C-alpha atoms as a PDB file:
ATOM      1  CA  MET A   1       0.001   0.010   0.045  1.00  0.00           C
ATOM      2  CA  LYS A   2       1.400   3.355  -0.991  1.00  0.00           C
ATOM      3  CA  GLN A   3       2.326   5.577   2.019  1.00  0.00           C
ATOM      4  CA  ALA A   4       0.540   8.895   2.293  1.00  0.00           C
ATOM      5  CA  PRO A   5       2.745  11.943   2.012  1.00  0.00           C
ATOM      6  CA  ILE A   6       4.015  13.512   5.273  1.00  0.00           C
ATOM      7  CA  SER A   7       2.274  16.861   5.480  1.00  0.00           C
ATOM      8  CA  LEU A   8       4.091  19.953   6.535  1.00  0.00           C
ATOM      9  CA  GLY A   9       2.242  23.262   7.576  1.00  0.00           C
ATOM     10  CA  PHE A  10       4.348  26.464   7.631  1.00  0.00           C
ATOM     11  CA  ILE A  11       3.349  29.436   9.822  1.00  0.00           C
ATOM     12  CA  LEU A  12       5.505  32.457   8.739  1.00  0.00           C
ATOM     13  CA  ALA A  13       6.020  35.359  11.146  1.00  0.00           C
ATOM     14  CA  PRO A  14       5.835  38.929   9.781  1.00  0.00           C
ATOM     15  CA  GLU A  15       9.404  39.757   8.434  1.00  0.00           C
ATOM     16  CA  PHE A  16      10.217  36.011   8.623  1.00  0.00           C
ATOM     17  CA  THR A  17      13.763  34.718   7.840  1.00  0.00           C
ATOM     18  CA  LEU A  18      13.592  33.782   4.284  1.00  0.00           C
ATOM     19  CA  SER A  19      16.635  31.601   4.319  1.00  0.00           C
ATOM     20  CA  ALA A  20      15.424  29.491   7.264  1.00  0.00           C
ATOM     21  CA  PHE A  21      11.978  28.915   5.378  1.00  0.00           C
ATOM     22  CA  SER A  22      13.464  28.216   1.969  1.00  0.00           C
ATOM     23  CA  ASN A  23      16.434  25.976   3.108  1.00  0.00           C
ATOM     24  CA  PHE A  24      14.089  23.879   5.316  1.00  0.00           C
ATOM     25  CA  LEU A  25      11.436  23.451   2.665  1.00  0.00           C
ATOM     26  CA  ASP A  26      13.953  22.877  -0.273  1.00  0.00           C
ATOM     27  CA  ALA A  27      15.388  19.836   1.702  1.00  0.00           C
ATOM     28  CA  PHE A  28      12.023  18.318   1.798  1.00  0.00           C
ATOM     29  CA  ARG A  29      11.273  19.216  -1.833  1.00  0.00           C
ATOM     30  CA  LEU A  30      14.415  17.556  -3.022  1.00  0.00           C
ATOM     31  CA  ALA A  31      13.626  14.506  -0.806  1.00  0.00           C
ATOM     32  CA  SER A  32      10.017  14.266  -1.885  1.00  0.00           C
ATOM     33  CA  ASP A  33      10.630  12.924  -5.392  1.00  0.00           C
ATOM     34  CA  ASP A  34      13.270  11.234  -7.433  1.00  0.00           C
ATOM     35  CA  GLY A  35      15.025  12.945 -10.237  1.00  0.00           C
ATOM     36  CA  ASP A  36      14.520  16.570  -8.731  1.00  0.00           C
ATOM     37  CA  ALA A  37      11.098  16.761 -10.383  1.00  0.00           C
ATOM     38  CA  SER A  38       9.530  18.625  -7.355  1.00  0.00           C
ATOM     39  CA  ARG A  39       6.474  16.389  -7.123  1.00  0.00           C
ATOM     40  CA  GLN A  40       4.904  16.273  -3.623  1.00  0.00           C
ATOM     41  CA  ILE A  41       5.044  12.551  -3.313  1.00  0.00           C
ATOM     42  CA  ARG A  42       6.845  11.701  -0.051  1.00  0.00           C
ATOM     43  CA  PHE A  43       6.142  15.046   1.416  1.00  0.00           C
ATOM     44  CA  LYS A  44       3.496  17.707   0.858  1.00  0.00           C
ATOM     45  CA  TRP A  45       3.406  21.291   2.291  1.00  0.00           C
ATOM     46  CA  ASP A  46       1.311  24.446   2.759  1.00  0.00           C
ATOM     47  CA  VAL A  47       2.008  27.920   3.727  1.00  0.00           C
ATOM     48  CA  ILE A  48      -0.902  28.732   6.142  1.00  0.00           C
ATOM     49  CA  SER A  49      -2.628  32.118   6.315  1.00  0.00           C
ATOM     50  CA  PRO A  50      -5.954  33.291   7.807  1.00  0.00           C
ATOM     51  CA  ASN A  51      -6.568  35.795   5.093  1.00  0.00           C
ATOM     52  CA  GLY A  52      -4.565  34.728   1.896  1.00  0.00           C
ATOM     53  CA  HIS A  53      -2.464  37.793   1.945  1.00  0.00           C
ATOM     54  CA  TYR A  54       1.145  37.903   0.931  1.00  0.00           C
ATOM     55  CA  ILE A  55       3.636  37.504   3.858  1.00  0.00           C
ATOM     56  CA  LYS A  56       6.631  39.684   3.749  1.00  0.00           C
ATOM     57  CA  SER A  57       9.991  38.326   4.702  1.00  0.00           C
ATOM     58  CA  SER A  58      12.823  40.332   6.310  1.00  0.00           C
ATOM     59  CA  THR A  59      14.362  40.726   2.833  1.00  0.00           C
ATOM     60  CA  GLY A  60      11.201  42.371   1.539  1.00  0.00           C
ATOM     61  CA  ILE A  61      10.386  39.509  -0.695  1.00  0.00           C
ATOM     62  CA  GLU A  62       6.885  38.192  -0.183  1.00  0.00           C
ATOM     63  CA  VAL A  63       5.428  34.698  -0.243  1.00  0.00           C
ATOM     64  CA  LEU A  64       1.883  33.855  -1.218  1.00  0.00           C
ATOM     65  CA  PRO A  65       0.106  31.445   1.075  1.00  0.00           C
ATOM     66  CA  THR A  66      -1.179  28.175  -0.323  1.00  0.00           C
ATOM     67  CA  ALA A  67      -3.712  27.231   2.233  1.00  0.00           C
ATOM     68  CA  LYS A  68      -6.329  29.023   4.293  1.00  0.00           C
ATOM     69  CA  LEU A  69      -6.321  28.532   7.976  1.00  0.00           C
ATOM     70  CA  ASP A  70      -8.593  25.654   8.882  1.00  0.00           C
ATOM     71  CA  SER A  71      -8.734  24.277  12.391  1.00  0.00           C
ATOM     72  CA  GLU A  72      -9.968  20.899  11.101  1.00  0.00           C
ATOM     73  CA  VAL A  73      -6.963  20.399   8.893  1.00  0.00           C
ATOM     74  CA  HIS A  74      -4.225  18.197  10.558  1.00  0.00           C
ATOM     75  CA  TYR A  75      -0.562  18.468   9.576  1.00  0.00           C
ATOM     76  CA  ASP A  76       2.113  15.824  10.541  1.00  0.00           C
ATOM     77  CA  TYR A  77       4.432  18.752  11.304  1.00  0.00           C
ATOM     78  CA  LEU A  78       3.733  22.398  12.047  1.00  0.00           C
ATOM     79  CA  ILE A  79       6.626  24.620  11.253  1.00  0.00           C
ATOM     80  CA  VAL A  80       6.910  28.088  12.878  1.00  0.00           C
ATOM     81  CA  VAL A  81       9.415  30.280  11.096  1.00  0.00           C
ATOM     82  CA  GLY A  82      10.448  33.441  13.220  1.00  0.00           C
ATOM     83  CA  GLY A  83      11.649  36.691  11.942  1.00  0.00           C
ATOM     84  CA  VAL A  84      13.381  39.828  13.064  1.00  0.00           C
ATOM     85  CA  LEU A  85      12.838  40.923  16.577  1.00  0.00           C
ATOM     86  CA  ARG A  86      12.602  44.673  15.814  1.00  0.00           C
ATOM     87  CA  SER A  87       9.101  44.098  14.555  1.00  0.00           C
ATOM     88  CA  HIS A  88       7.955  42.935  18.122  1.00  0.00           C
ATOM     89  CA  LEU A  89       7.621  39.374  16.840  1.00  0.00           C
ATOM     90  CA  HIS A  90       3.957  38.284  16.855  1.00  0.00           C
ATOM     91  CA  LEU A  91       1.502  36.244  14.914  1.00  0.00           C
ATOM     92  CA  ASP A  92      -2.101  37.005  13.909  1.00  0.00           C
ATOM     93  CA  GLU A  93      -4.545  35.984  16.663  1.00  0.00           C
ATOM     94  CA  ASP A  94      -6.131  33.207  14.587  1.00  0.00           C
ATOM     95  CA  LEU A  95      -2.666  31.898  13.790  1.00  0.00           C
ATOM     96  CA  THR A  96      -1.563  31.966  17.353  1.00  0.00           C
ATOM     97  CA  ARG A  97      -4.751  30.120  18.321  1.00  0.00           C
ATOM     98  CA  PHE A  98      -4.156  27.488  15.692  1.00  0.00           C
ATOM     99  CA  MET A  99      -0.497  27.182  16.831  1.00  0.00           C
ATOM    100  CA  LYS A 100      -1.517  26.747  20.478  1.00  0.00           C
ATOM    101  CA  HIS A 101      -4.173  24.301  19.706  1.00  0.00           C
ATOM    102  CA  HIS A 102      -1.654  22.005  17.696  1.00  0.00           C
ATOM    103  CA  PHE A 103       1.019  22.310  20.272  1.00  0.00           C
ATOM    104  CA  ILE A 104      -1.387  21.331  23.184  1.00  0.00           C
ATOM    105  CA  GLN A 105      -2.500  18.410  20.985  1.00  0.00           C
ATOM    106  CA  LYS A 106       1.122  17.340  20.834  1.00  0.00           C
ATOM    107  CA  THR A 107       1.385  17.770  16.996  1.00  0.00           C
ATOM    108  CA  PRO A 108       5.068  17.558  16.227  1.00  0.00           C
ATOM    109  CA  MET A 109       6.200  21.126  15.883  1.00  0.00           C
ATOM    110  CA  VAL A 110       9.334  22.799  14.494  1.00  0.00           C
ATOM    111  CA  ALA A 111      10.515  26.258  15.575  1.00  0.00           C
ATOM    112  CA  LEU A 112      13.109  27.754  13.101  1.00  0.00           C
ATOM    113  CA  CYS A 113      15.207  30.827  13.859  1.00  0.00           C
ATOM    114  CA  THR A 114      13.320  32.977  16.243  1.00  0.00           C
ATOM    115  CA  GLY A 115      10.200  30.782  16.146  1.00  0.00           C
ATOM    116  CA  THR A 116      11.084  29.760  19.760  1.00  0.00           C
ATOM    117  CA  PHE A 117      10.272  33.329  20.789  1.00  0.00           C
ATOM    118  CA  LEU A 118       6.746  32.908  19.428  1.00  0.00           C
ATOM    119  CA  LEU A 119       6.196  29.648  21.306  1.00  0.00           C
ATOM    120  CA  ALA A 120       7.790  30.991  24.524  1.00  0.00           C
ATOM    121  CA  LYS A 121       5.640  34.124  24.383  1.00  0.00           C
ATOM    122  CA  GLU A 122       2.462  31.942  24.602  1.00  0.00           C
ATOM    123  CA  GLN A 123       3.981  30.091  27.604  1.00  0.00           C
ATOM    124  CA  LEU A 124       3.909  26.754  25.575  1.00  0.00           C
ATOM    125  CA  ILE A 125       7.493  25.703  26.072  1.00  0.00           C
ATOM    126  CA  ASN A 126       8.286  26.370  29.773  1.00  0.00           C
ATOM    127  CA  GLY A 127      10.507  23.522  30.835  1.00  0.00           C
ATOM    128  CA  PHE A 128      11.467  22.551  27.319  1.00  0.00           C
ATOM    129  CA  GLN A 129      15.012  22.523  26.107  1.00  0.00           C
ATOM    130  CA  VAL A 130      15.327  24.609  22.989  1.00  0.00           C
ATOM    131  CA  SER A 131      18.190  25.766  20.643  1.00  0.00           C
ATOM    132  CA  VAL A 132      18.508  29.509  20.266  1.00  0.00           C
ATOM    133  CA  ASN A 133      21.005  31.335  18.136  1.00  0.00           C
ATOM    134  CA  TRP A 134      23.946  32.608  20.114  1.00  0.00           C
ATOM    135  CA  PHE A 135      23.202  36.157  19.009  1.00  0.00           C
ATOM    136  CA  HIS A 136      19.708  36.015  20.707  1.00  0.00           C
ATOM    137  CA  ILE A 137      20.506  33.787  23.556  1.00  0.00           C
ATOM    138  CA  ASN A 138      20.957  36.453  26.312  1.00  0.00           C
ATOM    139  CA  HIS A 139      17.665  38.217  25.235  1.00  0.00           C
ATOM    140  CA  PHE A 140      15.839  34.907  25.133  1.00  0.00           C
ATOM    141  CA  LYS A 141      16.915  33.863  28.630  1.00  0.00           C
ATOM    142  CA  HIS A 142      16.102  37.216  29.976  1.00  0.00           C
ATOM    143  CA  GLU A 143      12.521  37.191  28.567  1.00  0.00           C
ATOM    144  CA  TYR A 144      11.780  33.442  29.112  1.00  0.00           C
ATOM    145  CA  PRO A 145      13.670  32.208  32.071  1.00  0.00           C
ATOM    146  CA  LEU A 146      11.449  29.198  32.436  1.00  0.00           C
ATOM    147  CA  VAL A 147      12.653  27.753  29.117  1.00  0.00           C
ATOM    148  CA  ASP A 148      15.896  25.748  29.134  1.00  0.00           C
ATOM    149  CA  ALA A 149      17.575  27.668  26.198  1.00  0.00           C
ATOM    150  CA  SER A 150      21.014  26.639  24.780  1.00  0.00           C
ATOM    151  CA  CYS A 151      23.170  28.027  22.002  1.00  0.00           C
ATOM    152  CA  ASP A 152      25.442  24.991  21.836  1.00  0.00           C
ATOM    153  CA  GLN A 153      23.651  22.814  19.282  1.00  0.00           C
ATOM    154  CA  LEU A 154      22.241  23.651  15.816  1.00  0.00           C
ATOM    155  CA  TYR A 155      18.922  21.944  16.615  1.00  0.00           C
ATOM    156  CA  ILE A 156      17.399  20.235  19.649  1.00  0.00           C
ATOM    157  CA  HIS A 157      14.611  17.614  19.924  1.00  0.00           C
ATOM    158  CA  ASP A 158      12.610  17.694  23.159  1.00  0.00           C
ATOM    159  CA  ARG A 159       9.340  15.773  23.288  1.00  0.00           C
ATOM    160  CA  HIS A 160       7.155  16.896  20.303  1.00  0.00           C
ATOM    161  CA  LEU A 161       9.238  20.022  19.706  1.00  0.00           C
ATOM    162  CA  TYR A 162      12.166  20.425  17.386  1.00  0.00           C
ATOM    163  CA  SER A 163      13.885  23.847  17.711  1.00  0.00           C
ATOM    164  CA  CYS A 164      16.670  25.164  15.424  1.00  0.00           C
ATOM    165  CA  ALA A 165      18.939  28.168  15.824  1.00  0.00           C
ATOM    166  CA  GLY A 166      18.595  28.933  12.006  1.00  0.00           C
ATOM    167  CA  GLY A 167      21.281  29.213   9.257  1.00  0.00           C
ATOM    168  CA  VAL A 168      22.717  26.005   7.971  1.00  0.00           C
ATOM    169  CA  GLY A 169      21.117  24.169  10.865  1.00  0.00           C
ATOM    170  CA  VAL A 170      17.646  24.214   9.203  1.00  0.00           C
ATOM    171  CA  ALA A 171      18.831  21.907   6.373  1.00  0.00           C
ATOM    172  CA  GLN A 172      20.546  19.574   8.945  1.00  0.00           C
ATOM    173  CA  LEU A 173      17.278  19.408  10.872  1.00  0.00           C
ATOM    174  CA  ALA A 174      15.271  18.735   7.763  1.00  0.00           C
ATOM    175  CA  ALA A 175      17.692  15.950   6.905  1.00  0.00           C
ATOM    176  CA  HIS A 176      17.110  14.443  10.423  1.00  0.00           C
ATOM    177  CA  LEU A 177      13.315  14.452   9.896  1.00  0.00           C
ATOM    178  CA  ILE A 178      13.595  13.133   6.415  1.00  0.00           C
ATOM    179  CA  ALA A 179      15.807  10.253   7.611  1.00  0.00           C
ATOM    180  CA  LEU A 180      13.209   9.427  10.341  1.00  0.00           C
ATOM    181  CA  HIS A 181      10.544   8.712   7.628  1.00  0.00           C
ATOM    182  CA  TYR A 182      12.391   7.527   4.638  1.00  0.00           C
ATOM    183  CA  GLY A 183      15.877   6.688   5.647  1.00  0.00           C
ATOM    184  CA  ARG A 184      19.315   8.137   5.621  1.00  0.00           C
ATOM    185  CA  GLU A 185      19.922   7.454   1.953  1.00  0.00           C
ATOM    186  CA  ILE A 186      16.993   9.876   0.949  1.00  0.00           C
ATOM    187  CA  ALA A 187      18.200  12.450   3.470  1.00  0.00           C
ATOM    188  CA  GLU A 188      21.744  12.323   2.155  1.00  0.00           C
ATOM    189  CA  LYS A 189      20.537  12.712  -1.431  1.00  0.00           C
ATOM    190  CA  SER A 190      18.582  15.844  -0.595  1.00  0.00           C
ATOM    191  CA  LEU A 191      21.640  17.452   1.199  1.00  0.00           C
ATOM    192  CA  ARG A 192      24.045  16.448  -1.451  1.00  0.00           C
ATOM    193  CA  ILE A 193      22.107  18.344  -4.001  1.00  0.00           C
ATOM    194  CA  MET A 194      22.026  21.309  -1.682  1.00  0.00           C
ATOM    195  CA  ILE A 195      25.778  20.915  -1.248  1.00  0.00           C
ATOM    196  CA  GLU A 196      25.529  20.454   2.493  1.00  0.00           C
ATOM    197  CA  ASP A 197      27.538  18.200   4.816  1.00  0.00           C
ATOM    198  CA  VAL A 198      25.339  15.331   5.947  1.00  0.00           C
ATOM    199  CA  LYS A 199      25.259  15.116   9.797  1.00  0.00           C
ATOM    200  CA  PRO A 200      21.549  14.356  10.626  1.00  0.00           C
ATOM    201  CA  ASP A 201      22.425  13.097  14.114  1.00  0.00           C
ATOM    202  CA  GLY A 202      21.500  16.239  16.120  1.00  0.00           C
ATOM    203  CA  LYS A 203      24.825  16.687  17.757  1.00  0.00           C
ATOM    204  CA  ASN A 204      26.171  19.399  15.407  1.00  0.00           C
ATOM    205  CA  LYS A 205      27.498  22.506  17.239  1.00  0.00           C
ATOM    206  CA  GLN A 206      26.516  26.098  16.399  1.00  0.00           C
ATOM    207  CA  PRO A 207      29.340  27.977  14.773  1.00  0.00           C
ATOM    208  CA  SER A 208      31.494  29.916  17.108  1.00  0.00           C
ATOM    209  CA  PRO A 209      31.533  33.726  16.760  1.00  0.00           C
ATOM    210  CA  ILE A 210      33.752  34.818  14.034  1.00  0.00           C
ATOM    211  CA  LEU A 211      36.644  36.111  15.995  1.00  0.00           C
ATOM    212  CA  VAL A 212      36.989  32.605  17.648  1.00  0.00           C
ATOM    213  CA  ASN A 213      37.879  31.156  14.263  1.00  0.00           C
ATOM    214  CA  ARG A 214      40.864  33.617  13.888  1.00  0.00           C
ATOM    215  CA  VAL A 215      42.856  32.279  16.628  1.00  0.00           C
ATOM    216  CA  ASN A 216      44.672  28.871  17.076  1.00  0.00           C
ATOM    217  CA  ASN A 217      45.333  28.497  20.717  1.00  0.00           C
ATOM    218  CA  PRO A 218      42.708  26.203  22.240  1.00  0.00           C
ATOM    219  CA  TYR A 219      42.740  27.905  25.573  1.00  0.00           C
ATOM    220  CA  VAL A 220      42.137  31.386  23.964  1.00  0.00           C
ATOM    221  CA  LYS A 221      39.313  29.806  21.777  1.00  0.00           C
ATOM    222  CA  SER A 222      37.680  28.465  24.869  1.00  0.00           C
ATOM    223  CA  ALA A 223      37.872  31.594  26.748  1.00  0.00           C
ATOM    224  CA  MET A 224      36.551  33.594  23.776  1.00  0.00           C
ATOM    225  CA  SER A 225      33.511  31.254  23.584  1.00  0.00           C
ATOM    226  CA  ILE A 226      32.852  31.566  27.290  1.00  0.00           C
ATOM    227  CA  ILE A 227      32.986  35.362  27.035  1.00  0.00           C
ATOM    228  CA  GLU A 228      30.648  35.355  23.853  1.00  0.00           C
ATOM    229  CA  LYS A 229      28.152  33.147  25.719  1.00  0.00           C
ATOM    230  CA  ASN A 230      27.932  35.463  28.780  1.00  0.00           C
ATOM    231  CA  LEU A 231      27.802  38.961  27.242  1.00  0.00           C
ATOM    232  CA  LYS A 232      24.692  39.976  29.425  1.00  0.00           C
ATOM    233  CA  ASP A 233      26.352  38.849  32.616  1.00  0.00           C
ATOM    234  CA  PRO A 234      30.132  39.064  31.996  1.00  0.00           C
ATOM    235  CA  LEU A 235      32.216  36.724  34.028  1.00  0.00           C
ATOM    236  CA  PRO A 236      35.395  37.937  35.844  1.00  0.00           C
ATOM    237  CA  ILE A 237      38.485  36.883  33.953  1.00  0.00           C
ATOM    238  CA  ASP A 238      39.725  34.914  36.936  1.00  0.00           C
ATOM    239  CA  ALA A 239      36.457  32.874  36.763  1.00  0.00           C
ATOM    240  CA  ILE A 240      36.961  32.283  33.050  1.00  0.00           C
ATOM    241  CA  ALA A 241      40.604  31.154  33.654  1.00  0.00           C
ATOM    242  CA  LYS A 242      39.386  28.753  36.321  1.00  0.00           C
ATOM    243  CA  ARG A 243      36.905  27.241  33.966  1.00  0.00           C
ATOM    244  CA  ILE A 244      39.653  26.272  31.447  1.00  0.00           C
ATOM    245  CA  ASP A 245      42.243  25.310  34.079  1.00  0.00           C
ATOM    246  CA  LEU A 246      44.623  28.214  33.751  1.00  0.00           C
ATOM    247  CA  SER A 247      45.741  30.888  36.111  1.00  0.00           C
ATOM    248  CA  THR A 248      44.557  34.480  35.291  1.00  0.00           C
ATOM    249  CA  ARG A 249      48.123  35.470  34.427  1.00  0.00           C
ATOM    250  CA  GLN A 250      48.526  32.511  32.045  1.00  0.00           C
ATOM    251  CA  LEU A 251      45.261  33.298  30.269  1.00  0.00           C
ATOM    252  CA  GLU A 252      46.134  37.012  29.936  1.00  0.00           C
ATOM    253  CA  ARG A 253      49.620  36.142  28.542  1.00  0.00           C
ATOM    254  CA  LEU A 254      48.150  33.681  25.954  1.00  0.00           C
ATOM    255  CA  PHE A 255      45.480  36.157  24.959  1.00  0.00           C
ATOM    256  CA  LEU A 256      47.892  38.955  24.414  1.00  0.00           C
ATOM    257  CA  ALA A 257      50.128  36.667  22.404  1.00  0.00           C
ATOM    258  CA  GLU A 258      47.357  35.608  20.153  1.00  0.00           C
ATOM    259  CA  THR A 259      45.240  38.704  19.837  1.00  0.00           C
ATOM    260  CA  ASN A 260      47.251  41.692  21.054  1.00  0.00           C
ATOM    261  CA  ILE A 261      44.576  42.626  23.454  1.00  0.00           C
ATOM    262  CA  THR A 262      43.639  41.438  26.992  1.00  0.00           C
ATOM    263  CA  PRO A 263      40.616  39.189  27.797  1.00  0.00           C
ATOM    264  CA  THR A 264      39.040  42.171  29.423  1.00  0.00           C
ATOM    265  CA  ALA A 265      39.417  44.329  26.318  1.00  0.00           C
ATOM    266  CA  TYR A 266      38.049  41.504  24.194  1.00  0.00           C
ATOM    267  CA  SER A 267      35.037  41.141  26.410  1.00  0.00           C
ATOM    268  CA  LEU A 268      34.275  44.854  26.021  1.00  0.00           C
ATOM    269  CA  LYS A 269      34.660  44.678  22.283  1.00  0.00           C
ATOM    270  CA  ALA A 270      32.362  41.717  22.021  1.00  0.00           C
ATOM    271  CA  ARG A 271      29.690  43.466  24.111  1.00  0.00           C
ATOM    272  CA  LEU A 272      29.926  46.564  22.167  1.00  0.00           C
ATOM    273  CA  ASN A 273      29.739  44.636  18.820  1.00  0.00           C
ATOM    274  CA  LEU A 274      26.493  43.017  20.186  1.00  0.00           C
ATOM    275  CA  ALA A 275      25.200  46.413  21.202  1.00  0.00           C
ATOM    276  CA  LEU A 276      25.847  47.638  17.569  1.00  0.00           C
ATOM    277  CA  LYS A 277      23.897  44.740  16.112  1.00  0.00           C
ATOM    278  CA  TYR A 278      21.060  45.536  18.466  1.00  0.00           C
ATOM    279  CA  LEU A 279      21.064  49.174  17.410  1.00  0.00           C
ATOM    280  CA  LEU A 280      21.046  48.356  13.740  1.00  0.00           C
ATOM    281  CA  ASN A 281      18.591  45.463  13.767  1.00  0.00           C
ATOM    282  CA  THR A 282      16.081  46.164  16.682  1.00  0.00           C
ATOM    283  CA  ASP A 283      14.204  49.050  18.072  1.00  0.00           C
ATOM    284  CA  TYR A 284      15.399  48.433  21.620  1.00  0.00           C
ATOM    285  CA  SER A 285      15.936  51.515  23.711  1.00  0.00           C
ATOM    286  CA  VAL A 286      19.617  52.399  24.501  1.00  0.00           C
ATOM    287  CA  ASN A 287      18.938  51.678  28.141  1.00  0.00           C
ATOM    288  CA  HIS A 288      17.669  48.203  27.284  1.00  0.00           C
ATOM    289  CA  ILE A 289      20.705  47.567  25.009  1.00  0.00           C
ATOM    290  CA  ALA A 290      23.049  48.651  27.815  1.00  0.00           C
ATOM    291  CA  GLN A 291      21.366  46.098  30.157  1.00  0.00           C
ATOM    292  CA  GLU A 292      21.383  43.273  27.459  1.00  0.00           C
ATOM    293  CA  THR A 293      25.140  43.756  26.935  1.00  0.00           C
ATOM    294  CA  GLY A 294      26.192  43.731  30.481  1.00  0.00           C
ATOM    295  CA  PHE A 295      26.969  47.394  31.329  1.00  0.00           C
ATOM    296  CA  ILE A 296      26.374  48.568  34.838  1.00  0.00           C
ATOM    297  CA  SER A 297      24.757  51.801  33.662  1.00  0.00           C
ATOM    298  CA  SER A 298      23.615  53.646  30.543  1.00  0.00           C
ATOM    299  CA  SER A 299      26.208  56.238  31.085  1.00  0.00           C
ATOM    300  CA  HIS A 300      29.029  53.641  31.320  1.00  0.00           C
ATOM    301  CA  PHE A 301      27.699  52.120  28.106  1.00  0.00           C
ATOM    302  CA  SER A 302      27.347  55.381  26.306  1.00  0.00           C
ATOM    303  CA  LYS A 303      30.978  56.469  27.241  1.00  0.00           C
ATOM    304  CA  ALA A 304      32.316  53.079  26.018  1.00  0.00           C
ATOM    305  CA  PHE A 305      30.202  53.000  22.869  1.00  0.00           C
ATOM    306  CA  ARG A 306      31.389  56.511  21.816  1.00  0.00           C
ATOM    307  CA  LYS A 307      35.025  55.655  22.444  1.00  0.00           C
ATOM    308  CA  GLU A 308      34.758  52.465  20.356  1.00  0.00           C
ATOM    309  CA  TYR A 309      32.760  53.949  17.420  1.00  0.00           C
ATOM    310  CA  ASN A 310      33.292  57.745  17.633  1.00  0.00           C
ATOM    311  CA  LEU A 311      29.505  58.233  17.681  1.00  0.00           C
ATOM    312  CA  SER A 312      26.866  58.157  20.450  1.00  0.00           C
ATOM    313  CA  ALA A 313      24.492  55.161  20.241  1.00  0.00           C
ATOM    314  CA  THR A 314      21.722  57.556  19.157  1.00  0.00           C
ATOM    315  CA  GLU A 315      23.762  59.051  16.432  1.00  0.00           C
ATOM    316  CA  MET A 316      24.665  55.612  15.262  1.00  0.00           C
ATOM    317  CA  ARG A 317      21.139  54.543  15.007  1.00  0.00           C
ATOM    318  CA  LYS A 318      20.256  57.597  13.014  1.00  0.00           C
ATOM    319  CA  LYS A 319      22.972  56.693  10.556  1.00  0.00           C
ATOM    320  CA  SER A 320      22.064  52.963  10.412  1.00  0.00           C
ATOM    321  CA  SER A 321      20.167  53.196   7.089  1.00  0.00           C
ATOM    322  CA  CYS A 322      23.579  54.062   5.594  1.00  0.00           C
ATOM    323  CA  LEU A 323      25.584  51.430   7.418  1.00  0.00           C
ATOM    324  CA  PRO A 324      26.068  47.803   6.620  1.00  0.00           C
ATOM    325  CA  ILE A 325      24.781  45.237   9.272  1.00  0.00           C
ATOM    326  CA  PRO A 326      27.956  44.037  11.201  1.00  0.00           C
ATOM    327  CA  GLU A 327      29.065  40.493  10.881  1.00  0.00           C
END
């Protein structure tokens, strides 16, 4: 007897992340049929909308929904694709109700990118372990302390929820789900066409912040990773040294040799870099950004920011339309 296609229902947040949606879906498209003919044989999918209006991504490109919201329709997987946080991430009330109903009914659900924020906002995932992008981890933990958020793995499976930090991880998660239903060979075929490494085992790590990849010393790498993961609540350098079994003096000496700056200076630069990203990508107040990046006061933050960028935070934001988003 022919197996019925596995159905996927996509909920796209306003200003959703186009790459997360397209890479996840394309992995299933390639696995759904043989010969790259794009027929919905093994899998079928819909983009769900309560009104049929185009949904704009963060790139400005719009996607036309393929199915009207229907509470009687069941999907094997419901995929929630998040978007940029500057738009005060939210869903239409009918979509939110639909999402909550399916989550409570234990429909397998996938949260991509900042989709975890949408679920956490509705208090659906308290006590769940979820994967959050390292860029958003401090904000997420601050807003939703009852959720066990991690920025170590690309994706995490906890009960009926799959969560993914975004980026290349969405294709890896798609491969994992494809392999569950149709085996590793079909999953590998899909990712080979997408020119992705096949590691559908759920143990892949999120990439380290870019500066970590510019050093060779393993102790310095470890210290940098610890600093980057604690930007909201910076750790004393002696505590970081203790975690990696070095003395403070040894760590400072290795750091200087590798980067020409001290661990303290690196921590400050990392926090200011995160602050700049918040300024250019969110509408958070300067006071809130100071708190989210571990500064003891707004005045301390403002002084450090001006020294680093030769502009005040407010001036930088006004010029943001002319500036590239920092990597």
